[in-house]
Amino acid sequence: MKPKYTVTLNKHRATWNYFTENEQGGGFGSNYCGPKYIALSKATYTMPLGTVYALIVNGKDQGLQTKGQN
């Protein structure tokens, strides 16, 4: 199953940079100076609950994740 979204998180010092890419290749991104879980919630904010997405953190594939489930 190919996920509809890919979320990429990269940390530089205290800042998390995030980019969310959709299946058509477009996307959005920004950065957040704070905890990783908040940067991830900002990156997945527009996704509906239950959406499956691929997560990449600092260049390492974290596998498929589901929004709204831990």
N, C-alpha and C. Protein backbone atom coordinates (compact mmCIF):
# COMPACT_ATOMS: atom_id res chain seq x y z
N MET A 1 0.84 -1.18 0.00
CA MET A 1 0.00 0.00 0.00
C MET A 1 0.88 1.24 0.00
N LYS A 2 0.67 2.11 -0.94
CA LYS A 2 1.42 3.35 -1.03
C LYS A 2 0.66 4.44 -0.27
N PRO A 3 1.32 5.09 0.69
CA PRO A 3 0.63 6.14 1.45
C PRO A 3 0.36 7.38 0.60
N LYS A 4 -0.67 8.13 0.96
CA LYS A 4 -1.01 9.34 0.24
C LYS A 4 -0.09 10.50 0.59
N TYR A 5 0.53 10.43 1.76
CA TYR A 5 1.39 11.52 2.23
C TYR A 5 2.73 10.98 2.70
N THR A 6 3.76 11.84 2.59
CA THR A 6 5.06 11.56 3.17
C THR A 6 5.44 12.76 4.02
N VAL A 7 5.73 12.51 5.30
CA VAL A 7 6.13 13.57 6.21
C VAL A 7 7.61 13.40 6.50
N THR A 8 8.37 14.48 6.28
CA THR A 8 9.80 14.46 6.53
C THR A 8 10.11 15.46 7.64
N LEU A 9 10.77 14.98 8.70
CA LEU A 9 11.21 15.82 9.81
C LEU A 9 12.72 15.78 9.88
N ASN A 10 13.35 16.94 9.99
CA ASN A 10 14.80 17.03 10.16
C ASN A 10 15.08 18.01 11.29
N LYS A 11 16.01 17.64 12.16
CA LYS A 11 16.35 18.50 13.29
C LYS A 11 17.68 19.18 13.04
N HIS A 12 17.70 20.49 13.25
CA HIS A 12 18.93 21.28 13.20
C HIS A 12 18.98 22.10 14.48
N ARG A 13 19.88 21.74 15.35
CA ARG A 13 19.98 22.32 16.70
C ARG A 13 18.66 22.13 17.42
N ALA A 14 17.97 23.19 17.80
CA ALA A 14 16.70 23.06 18.54
C ALA A 14 15.49 23.16 17.62
N THR A 15 15.71 23.26 16.32
CA THR A 15 14.61 23.50 15.39
C THR A 15 14.31 22.26 14.56
N TRP A 16 13.02 21.90 14.52
CA TRP A 16 12.54 20.82 13.65
C TRP A 16 12.03 21.44 12.36
N ASN A 17 12.56 21.00 11.23
CA ASN A 17 12.04 21.39 9.92
C ASN A 17 11.15 20.26 9.44
N TYR A 18 9.96 20.60 8.95
CA TYR A 18 9.05 19.56 8.47
C TYR A 18 8.54 19.90 7.09
N PHE A 19 8.27 18.84 6.33
CA PHE A 19 7.70 19.00 5.00
C PHE A 19 6.72 17.85 4.79
N THR A 20 5.51 18.17 4.37
CA THR A 20 4.48 17.18 4.09
C THR A 20 4.23 17.18 2.60
N GLU A 21 4.45 16.04 1.97
CA GLU A 21 4.28 15.90 0.52
C GLU A 21 3.07 15.03 0.24
N ASN A 22 2.22 15.47 -0.70
CA ASN A 22 1.04 14.67 -1.05
C ASN A 22 1.37 13.76 -2.23
N GLU A 23 0.42 12.92 -2.61
CA GLU A 23 0.67 11.92 -3.65
C GLU A 23 0.91 12.52 -5.03
N GLN A 24 0.48 13.76 -5.27
CA GLN A 24 0.71 14.40 -6.56
C GLN A 24 2.08 15.07 -6.63
N GLY A 25 2.81 15.12 -5.50
CA GLY A 25 4.13 15.72 -5.49
C GLY A 25 4.17 17.11 -4.90
N GLY A 26 3.02 17.71 -4.64
CA GLY A 26 2.98 19.02 -4.00
C GLY A 26 3.07 18.86 -2.49
N GLY A 27 3.16 19.97 -1.81
CA GLY A 27 3.19 19.87 -0.36
C GLY A 27 3.43 21.20 0.29
N PHE A 28 3.69 21.15 1.59
CA PHE A 28 3.96 22.36 2.37
C PHE A 28 4.95 22.01 3.47
N GLY A 29 5.58 23.02 4.00
CA GLY A 29 6.51 22.80 5.08
C GLY A 29 6.82 24.07 5.82
N SER A 30 7.46 23.92 6.94
CA SER A 30 7.87 25.04 7.77
C SER A 30 8.83 24.50 8.81
N ASN A 31 8.98 25.24 9.90
CA ASN A 31 9.83 24.75 10.98
C ASN A 31 9.21 25.12 12.32
N TYR A 32 9.68 24.43 13.36
CA TYR A 32 9.17 24.66 14.70
C TYR A 32 10.32 24.46 15.68
N CYS A 33 10.52 25.43 16.53
CA CYS A 33 11.56 25.35 17.56
C CYS A 33 10.90 24.84 18.83
N GLY A 34 10.98 23.55 19.06
CA GLY A 34 10.35 22.94 20.21
C GLY A 34 10.36 21.43 20.08
N PRO A 35 9.49 20.76 20.81
CA PRO A 35 9.48 19.29 20.81
C PRO A 35 9.06 18.68 19.46
N LYS A 36 9.57 17.48 19.22
CA LYS A 36 9.28 16.76 17.97
C LYS A 36 7.79 16.49 17.81
N TYR A 37 7.08 16.11 18.89
CA TYR A 37 5.67 15.75 18.75
C TYR A 37 4.82 16.93 18.29
N ILE A 38 5.21 18.15 18.64
CA ILE A 38 4.46 19.32 18.18
C ILE A 38 4.76 19.59 16.70
N ALA A 39 6.02 19.45 16.30
CA ALA A 39 6.37 19.62 14.88
C ALA A 39 5.62 18.59 14.03
N LEU A 40 5.52 17.36 14.52
CA LEU A 40 4.79 16.32 13.79
C LEU A 40 3.31 16.64 13.71
N SER A 41 2.73 17.17 14.79
CA SER A 41 1.30 17.51 14.75
C SER A 41 1.04 18.66 13.79
N LYS A 42 1.98 19.59 13.67
CA LYS A 42 1.83 20.68 12.70
C LYS A 42 1.94 20.14 11.27
N ALA A 43 2.81 19.16 11.06
CA ALA A 43 3.01 18.58 9.73
C ALA A 43 1.81 17.75 9.28
N THR A 44 1.06 17.19 10.24
CA THR A 44 -0.07 16.32 9.90
C THR A 44 -1.42 16.99 10.15
N TYR A 45 -1.42 18.25 10.48
CA TYR A 45 -2.64 18.97 10.86
C TYR A 45 -3.76 18.87 9.83
N THR A 46 -3.44 18.98 8.55
CA THR A 46 -4.46 19.01 7.50
C THR A 46 -4.96 17.63 7.08
N MET A 47 -4.32 16.58 7.56
CA MET A 47 -4.73 15.22 7.20
C MET A 47 -5.96 14.81 8.01
N PRO A 48 -6.90 14.11 7.39
CA PRO A 48 -8.04 13.58 8.16
C PRO A 48 -7.58 12.48 9.13
N LEU A 49 -8.30 12.29 10.22
CA LEU A 49 -7.98 11.21 11.15
C LEU A 49 -8.03 9.87 10.42
N GLY A 50 -7.10 9.01 10.76
CA GLY A 50 -7.04 7.69 10.13
C GLY A 50 -6.18 7.64 8.88
N THR A 51 -5.65 8.77 8.44
CA THR A 51 -4.80 8.80 7.25
C THR A 51 -3.48 8.08 7.52
N VAL A 52 -3.07 7.23 6.59
CA VAL A 52 -1.79 6.53 6.69
C VAL A 52 -0.75 7.35 5.93
N TYR A 53 0.39 7.60 6.58
CA TYR A 53 1.45 8.38 5.95
C TYR A 53 2.81 7.77 6.27
N ALA A 54 3.76 8.02 5.39
CA ALA A 54 5.13 7.57 5.60
C ALA A 54 5.86 8.65 6.39
N LEU A 55 6.64 8.24 7.40
CA LEU A 55 7.37 9.18 8.24
C LEU A 55 8.86 8.97 8.08
N ILE A 56 9.58 10.05 7.79
CA ILE A 56 11.03 10.02 7.67
C ILE A 56 11.58 11.05 8.65
N VAL A 57 12.43 10.60 9.58
CA VAL A 57 13.00 11.48 10.60
C VAL A 57 14.52 11.46 10.46
N ASN A 58 15.10 12.62 10.19
CA ASN A 58 16.55 12.77 10.02
C ASN A 58 17.11 11.75 9.02
N GLY A 59 16.38 11.56 7.91
CA GLY A 59 16.83 10.68 6.84
C GLY A 59 16.57 9.20 7.07
N LYS A 60 15.97 8.84 8.20
CA LYS A 60 15.70 7.42 8.50
C LYS A 60 14.20 7.14 8.37
N ASP A 61 13.88 6.12 7.61
CA ASP A 61 12.48 5.73 7.40
C ASP A 61 11.92 5.13 8.68
N GLN A 62 10.84 5.72 9.19
CA GLN A 62 10.19 5.25 10.42
C GLN A 62 8.98 4.37 10.12
N GLY A 63 8.75 4.08 8.84
CA GLY A 63 7.65 3.23 8.45
C GLY A 63 6.35 4.00 8.29
N LEU A 64 5.27 3.25 8.15
CA LEU A 64 3.95 3.85 7.99
C LEU A 64 3.35 4.18 9.34
N GLN A 65 2.74 5.35 9.44
CA GLN A 65 2.08 5.81 10.65
C GLN A 65 0.63 6.12 10.31
N THR A 66 -0.22 6.11 11.31
CA THR A 66 -1.62 6.46 11.12
C THR A 66 -1.95 7.64 12.00
N LYS A 67 -2.52 8.70 11.42
CA LYS A 67 -2.86 9.87 12.19
C LYS A 67 -3.99 9.54 13.17
N GLY A 68 -3.79 9.93 14.41
CA GLY A 68 -4.80 9.71 15.43
C GLY A 68 -4.59 8.45 16.23
N GLN A 69 -3.53 7.69 15.91
CA GLN A 69 -3.22 6.47 16.64
C GLN A 69 -1.74 6.49 17.02
N ASN A 70 -1.42 6.00 18.19
CA ASN A 70 -0.01 5.95 18.62
C ASN A 70 0.56 4.57 18.46
